[in-house]
Amino acid sequence: MAINNAAEYWTKKGEHQKIHDAIASCIKKNKLIQMLYNEKEELLKHQQQLQKMVKEVVHHKKVIQLDVHQEKSYMTKLQLENDQLLAEKISYLDIINEKEAVIVSLRDQKLAQELQSEKDKEEKKEGEAEKIKLRKPDSSFPKADTRAQKRKEQKKSQIKEEG
């Protein structure tokens, strides 16, 4: 009976050890499962955060693209306005150049007229001086001589005043 008891004891002890090993193995596996579950939860949270960040980035990208599109449209509008203003400026400069050419032409004409007028006056003075030199004083008409001299002096004074 002692042998039976001993065999029974060792059998039970072996079964207890197997059960104990199985329980220890289950505890290890449970800890591993819990650790993997926790990691999975953390990864899911991280994935959700990343998805949220991706959505925000996509939204931000769309906003930036819209801003860029609006800026390009605005720049195009400004470029068109600038081109239009440049065309107007060129047109005004052409008009100014034409007006300046007309002004220069009119100045040249006026200067030419003034020079011609002065030349004509000088020629007239010279012609009158020649006429006066060619005239011979007539002694029978002393009053006429004095009148002619007075006129001559008046003309000279007028010429001096005009010149």
C-alpha atoms as a PDB file:
ATOM      1  CA  MET A   1       0.000   0.000   0.000  1.00  0.00           C
ATOM      2  CA  ALA A   2       2.841   2.293   0.676  1.00  0.00           C
ATOM      3  CA  ILE A   3       3.991   1.799  -2.855  1.00  0.00           C
ATOM      4  CA  ASN A   4       0.566   2.547  -4.129  1.00  0.00           C
ATOM      5  CA  ASN A   5       0.480   5.594  -1.943  1.00  0.00           C
ATOM      6  CA  ALA A   6       3.902   6.654  -3.117  1.00  0.00           C
ATOM      7  CA  ALA A   7       2.939   6.119  -6.746  1.00  0.00           C
ATOM      8  CA  GLU A   8      -0.253   7.945  -6.190  1.00  0.00           C
ATOM      9  CA  TYR A   9       1.604  10.718  -4.449  1.00  0.00           C
ATOM     10  CA  TRP A  10       4.089  11.126  -7.289  1.00  0.00           C
ATOM     11  CA  THR A  11       1.366  10.860  -9.846  1.00  0.00           C
ATOM     12  CA  LYS A  12      -0.643  13.514  -8.098  1.00  0.00           C
ATOM     13  CA  LYS A  13       2.464  15.581  -7.623  1.00  0.00           C
ATOM     14  CA  GLY A  14       3.251  15.222 -11.357  1.00  0.00           C
ATOM     15  CA  GLU A  15      -0.296  16.171 -12.230  1.00  0.00           C
ATOM     16  CA  HIS A  16      -0.089  19.137  -9.874  1.00  0.00           C
ATOM     17  CA  GLN A  17       3.193  20.146 -11.519  1.00  0.00           C
ATOM     18  CA  LYS A  18       1.618  19.820 -14.971  1.00  0.00           C
ATOM     19  CA  ILE A  19      -1.368  21.824 -13.818  1.00  0.00           C
ATOM     20  CA  HIS A  20       0.932  24.349 -12.204  1.00  0.00           C
ATOM     21  CA  ASP A  21       3.035  24.538 -15.418  1.00  0.00           C
ATOM     22  CA  ALA A  22      -0.148  24.843 -17.494  1.00  0.00           C
ATOM     23  CA  ILE A  23      -1.401  27.635 -15.219  1.00  0.00           C
ATOM     24  CA  ALA A  24       2.014  29.386 -15.387  1.00  0.00           C
ATOM     25  CA  SER A  25       1.978  29.002 -19.165  1.00  0.00           C
ATOM     26  CA  CYS A  26      -1.563  30.385 -19.305  1.00  0.00           C
ATOM     27  CA  ILE A  27      -0.530  33.320 -17.107  1.00  0.00           C
ATOM     28  CA  LYS A  28       2.458  34.025 -19.414  1.00  0.00           C
ATOM     29  CA  LYS A  29       0.254  33.695 -22.479  1.00  0.00           C
ATOM     30  CA  ASN A  30      -2.389  35.910 -20.851  1.00  0.00           C
ATOM     31  CA  LYS A  31       0.265  38.556 -20.048  1.00  0.00           C
ATOM     32  CA  LEU A  32       1.527  38.329 -23.641  1.00  0.00           C
ATOM     33  CA  ILE A  33      -2.041  38.597 -24.949  1.00  0.00           C
ATOM     34  CA  GLN A  34      -2.684  41.567 -22.642  1.00  0.00           C
ATOM     35  CA  MET A  35       0.564  43.207 -23.779  1.00  0.00           C
ATOM     36  CA  LEU A  36      -0.303  42.601 -27.446  1.00  0.00           C
ATOM     37  CA  TYR A  37      -3.823  43.918 -26.847  1.00  0.00           C
ATOM     38  CA  ASN A  38      -2.415  47.047 -25.178  1.00  0.00           C
ATOM     39  CA  GLU A  39       0.015  47.547 -28.070  1.00  0.00           C
ATOM     40  CA  LYS A  40      -2.868  47.051 -30.496  1.00  0.00           C
ATOM     41  CA  GLU A  41      -4.916  49.675 -28.624  1.00  0.00           C
ATOM     42  CA  GLU A  42      -1.973  52.090 -28.657  1.00  0.00           C
ATOM     43  CA  LEU A  43      -1.420  51.433 -32.355  1.00  0.00           C
ATOM     44  CA  LEU A  44      -5.127  52.015 -33.052  1.00  0.00           C
ATOM     45  CA  LYS A  45      -4.992  55.290 -31.109  1.00  0.00           C
ATOM     46  CA  HIS A  46      -1.839  56.273 -32.979  1.00  0.00           C
ATOM     47  CA  GLN A  47      -3.457  55.256 -36.273  1.00  0.00           C
ATOM     48  CA  GLN A  48      -6.507  57.396 -35.458  1.00  0.00           C
ATOM     49  CA  GLN A  49      -4.248  60.325 -34.588  1.00  0.00           C
ATOM     50  CA  LEU A  50      -2.352  59.851 -37.840  1.00  0.00           C
ATOM     51  CA  GLN A  51      -5.612  59.624 -39.809  1.00  0.00           C
ATOM     52  CA  LYS A  52      -6.802  62.803 -38.115  1.00  0.00           C
ATOM     53  CA  MET A  53      -3.488  64.480 -38.954  1.00  0.00           C
ATOM     54  CA  VAL A  54      -3.753  63.262 -42.563  1.00  0.00           C
ATOM     55  CA  LYS A  55      -7.271  64.715 -42.803  1.00  0.00           C
ATOM     56  CA  GLU A  56      -6.018  68.008 -41.366  1.00  0.00           C
ATOM     57  CA  VAL A  57      -3.073  68.037 -43.772  1.00  0.00           C
ATOM     58  CA  VAL A  58      -5.362  67.257 -46.712  1.00  0.00           C
ATOM     59  CA  HIS A  59      -7.724  70.021 -45.613  1.00  0.00           C
ATOM     60  CA  HIS A  60      -4.815  72.420 -45.128  1.00  0.00           C
ATOM     61  CA  LYS A  61      -3.456  71.442 -48.548  1.00  0.00           C
ATOM     62  CA  LYS A  62      -6.841  72.179 -50.135  1.00  0.00           C
ATOM     63  CA  VAL A  63      -6.974  75.544 -48.361  1.00  0.00           C
ATOM     64  CA  ILE A  64      -3.460  76.350 -49.561  1.00  0.00           C
ATOM     65  CA  GLN A  65      -4.320  75.247 -53.106  1.00  0.00           C
ATOM     66  CA  LEU A  66      -7.379  77.486 -53.018  1.00  0.00           C
ATOM     67  CA  ASP A  67      -5.248  80.370 -51.734  1.00  0.00           C
ATOM     68  CA  VAL A  68      -2.658  79.718 -54.442  1.00  0.00           C
ATOM     69  CA  HIS A  69      -5.379  79.625 -57.084  1.00  0.00           C
ATOM     70  CA  GLN A  70      -6.831  82.895 -55.774  1.00  0.00           C
ATOM     71  CA  GLU A  71      -3.375  84.486 -55.696  1.00  0.00           C
ATOM     72  CA  LYS A  72      -2.693  83.324 -59.262  1.00  0.00           C
ATOM     73  CA  SER A  73      -6.025  84.748 -60.370  1.00  0.00           C
ATOM     74  CA  TYR A  74      -5.270  88.007 -58.590  1.00  0.00           C
ATOM     75  CA  MET A  75      -1.762  88.133 -60.105  1.00  0.00           C
ATOM     76  CA  THR A  76      -3.221  87.485 -63.558  1.00  0.00           C
ATOM     77  CA  LYS A  77      -5.721  90.291 -63.009  1.00  0.00           C
ATOM     78  CA  LEU A  78      -2.938  92.627 -61.859  1.00  0.00           C
ATOM     79  CA  GLN A  79      -0.786  91.646 -64.843  1.00  0.00           C
ATOM     80  CA  LEU A  80      -3.657  92.401 -67.224  1.00  0.00           C
ATOM     81  CA  GLU A  81      -4.235  95.755 -65.527  1.00  0.00           C
ATOM     82  CA  ASN A  82      -0.509  96.470 -65.696  1.00  0.00           C
ATOM     83  CA  ASP A  83      -0.431  95.605 -69.407  1.00  0.00           C
ATOM     84  CA  GLN A  84      -3.419  97.863 -69.996  1.00  0.00           C
ATOM     85  CA  LEU A  85      -1.787 100.717 -68.073  1.00  0.00           C
ATOM     86  CA  LEU A  86       1.449 100.245 -70.014  1.00  0.00           C
ATOM     87  CA  ALA A  87      -0.477 100.391 -73.280  1.00  0.00           C
ATOM     88  CA  GLU A  88      -2.179 103.605 -72.129  1.00  0.00           C
ATOM     89  CA  LYS A  89       1.168 105.026 -71.042  1.00  0.00           C
ATOM     90  CA  ILE A  90       2.709 104.251 -74.426  1.00  0.00           C
ATOM     91  CA  SER A  91      -0.291 105.828 -76.128  1.00  0.00           C
ATOM     92  CA  TYR A  92       0.033 108.960 -73.984  1.00  0.00           C
ATOM     93  CA  LEU A  93       3.781 109.112 -74.633  1.00  0.00           C
ATOM     94  CA  ASP A  94       3.123 108.881 -78.379  1.00  0.00           C
ATOM     95  CA  ILE A  95       0.608 111.726 -78.104  1.00  0.00           C
ATOM     96  CA  ILE A  96       3.086 113.779 -76.053  1.00  0.00           C
ATOM     97  CA  ASN A  97       5.818 113.160 -78.637  1.00  0.00           C
ATOM     98  CA  GLU A  98       3.485 114.245 -81.435  1.00  0.00           C
ATOM     99  CA  LYS A  99       2.508 117.392 -79.505  1.00  0.00           C
ATOM    100  CA  GLU A 100       6.162 118.169 -78.776  1.00  0.00           C
ATOM    101  CA  ALA A 101       6.990 117.774 -82.469  1.00  0.00           C
ATOM    102  CA  VAL A 102       4.173 120.194 -83.331  1.00  0.00           C
ATOM    103  CA  ILE A 103       5.400 122.640 -80.674  1.00  0.00           C
ATOM    104  CA  VAL A 104       8.972 122.475 -82.002  1.00  0.00           C
ATOM    105  CA  SER A 105       7.695 122.978 -85.540  1.00  0.00           C
ATOM    106  CA  LEU A 106       5.609 125.988 -84.477  1.00  0.00           C
ATOM    107  CA  ARG A 107       8.568 127.461 -82.580  1.00  0.00           C
ATOM    108  CA  ASP A 108      10.757 127.023 -85.642  1.00  0.00           C
ATOM    109  CA  GLN A 109       8.121 128.701 -87.814  1.00  0.00           C
ATOM    110  CA  LYS A 110       7.735 131.574 -85.352  1.00  0.00           C
ATOM    111  CA  LEU A 111      11.495 132.024 -85.125  1.00  0.00           C
ATOM    112  CA  ALA A 112      11.769 131.965 -88.916  1.00  0.00           C
ATOM    113  CA  GLN A 113       8.966 134.550 -89.161  1.00  0.00           C
ATOM    114  CA  GLU A 114      10.644 136.768 -86.565  1.00  0.00           C
ATOM    115  CA  LEU A 115      13.969 136.524 -88.392  1.00  0.00           C
ATOM    116  CA  GLN A 116      12.270 137.280 -91.699  1.00  0.00           C
ATOM    117  CA  SER A 117      10.420 140.212 -90.113  1.00  0.00           C
ATOM    118  CA  GLU A 118      13.669 141.631 -88.738  1.00  0.00           C
ATOM    119  CA  LYS A 119      15.337 141.126 -92.098  1.00  0.00           C
ATOM    120  CA  ASP A 120      12.428 142.850 -93.848  1.00  0.00           C
ATOM    121  CA  LYS A 121      12.617 145.776 -91.408  1.00  0.00           C
ATOM    122  CA  GLU A 122      16.351 146.125 -91.975  1.00  0.00           C
ATOM    123  CA  GLU A 123      15.867 146.009 -95.732  1.00  0.00           C
ATOM    124  CA  LYS A 124      13.108 148.594 -95.455  1.00  0.00           C
ATOM    125  CA  LYS A 125      15.355 150.850 -93.374  1.00  0.00           C
ATOM    126  CA  GLU A 126      18.163 150.432 -95.864  1.00  0.00           C
ATOM    127  CA  GLY A 127      15.779 151.150 -98.727  1.00  0.00           C
ATOM    128  CA  GLU A 128      14.477 154.296 -97.064  1.00  0.00           C
ATOM    129  CA  ALA A 129      18.018 155.412 -96.282  1.00  0.00           C
ATOM    130  CA  GLU A 130      18.913 154.927 -99.959  1.00  0.00           C
ATOM    131  CA  LYS A 131      15.884 156.959-101.021  1.00  0.00           C
ATOM    132  CA  ILE A 132      16.845 159.746 -98.672  1.00  0.00           C
ATOM    133  CA  LYS A 133      20.449 159.727 -99.953  1.00  0.00           C
ATOM    134  CA  LEU A 134      19.272 159.775-103.551  1.00  0.00           C
ATOM    135  CA  ARG A 135      17.105 162.791-102.988  1.00  0.00           C
ATOM    136  CA  LYS A 136      18.796 166.037-103.562  1.00  0.00           C
ATOM    137  CA  PRO A 137      17.743 168.957-101.492  1.00  0.00           C
ATOM    138  CA  ASP A 138      15.895 171.568-103.493  1.00  0.00           C
ATOM    139  CA  SER A 139      16.797 175.097-102.497  1.00  0.00           C
ATOM    140  CA  SER A 140      13.569 176.471-103.854  1.00  0.00           C
ATOM    141  CA  PHE A 141      11.643 174.446-101.285  1.00  0.00           C
ATOM    142  CA  PRO A 142      13.329 175.028 -97.976  1.00  0.00           C
ATOM    143  CA  LYS A 143      10.247 174.055 -96.023  1.00  0.00           C
ATOM    144  CA  ALA A 144      10.101 170.689 -97.793  1.00  0.00           C
ATOM    145  CA  ASP A 145      13.660 169.926 -96.767  1.00  0.00           C
ATOM    146  CA  THR A 146      12.941 170.565 -93.148  1.00  0.00           C
ATOM    147  CA  ARG A 147       9.834 168.446 -93.340  1.00  0.00           C
ATOM    148  CA  ALA A 148      11.769 165.611 -94.983  1.00  0.00           C
ATOM    149  CA  GLN A 149      14.459 165.860 -92.351  1.00  0.00           C
ATOM    150  CA  LYS A 150      11.864 165.750 -89.578  1.00  0.00           C
ATOM    151  CA  ARG A 151      10.250 162.674 -91.130  1.00  0.00           C
ATOM    152  CA  LYS A 152      13.649 161.089 -91.539  1.00  0.00           C
ATOM    153  CA  GLU A 153      14.484 161.707 -87.885  1.00  0.00           C
ATOM    154  CA  GLN A 154      11.083 160.372 -86.789  1.00  0.00           C
ATOM    155  CA  LYS A 155      11.607 157.185 -88.801  1.00  0.00           C
ATOM    156  CA  LYS A 156      15.073 156.712 -87.342  1.00  0.00           C
ATOM    157  CA  SER A 157      13.730 157.093 -83.820  1.00  0.00           C
ATOM    158  CA  GLN A 158      10.906 154.649 -84.604  1.00  0.00           C
ATOM    159  CA  ILE A 159      13.391 152.140 -86.012  1.00  0.00           C
ATOM    160  CA  LYS A 160      15.579 152.480 -82.922  1.00  0.00           C
ATOM    161  CA  GLU A 161      12.554 151.952 -80.670  1.00  0.00           C
ATOM    162  CA  GLU A 162      11.437 148.885 -82.623  1.00  0.00           C
ATOM    163  CA  GLY A 163      14.915 147.386 -82.841  1.00  0.00           C
END
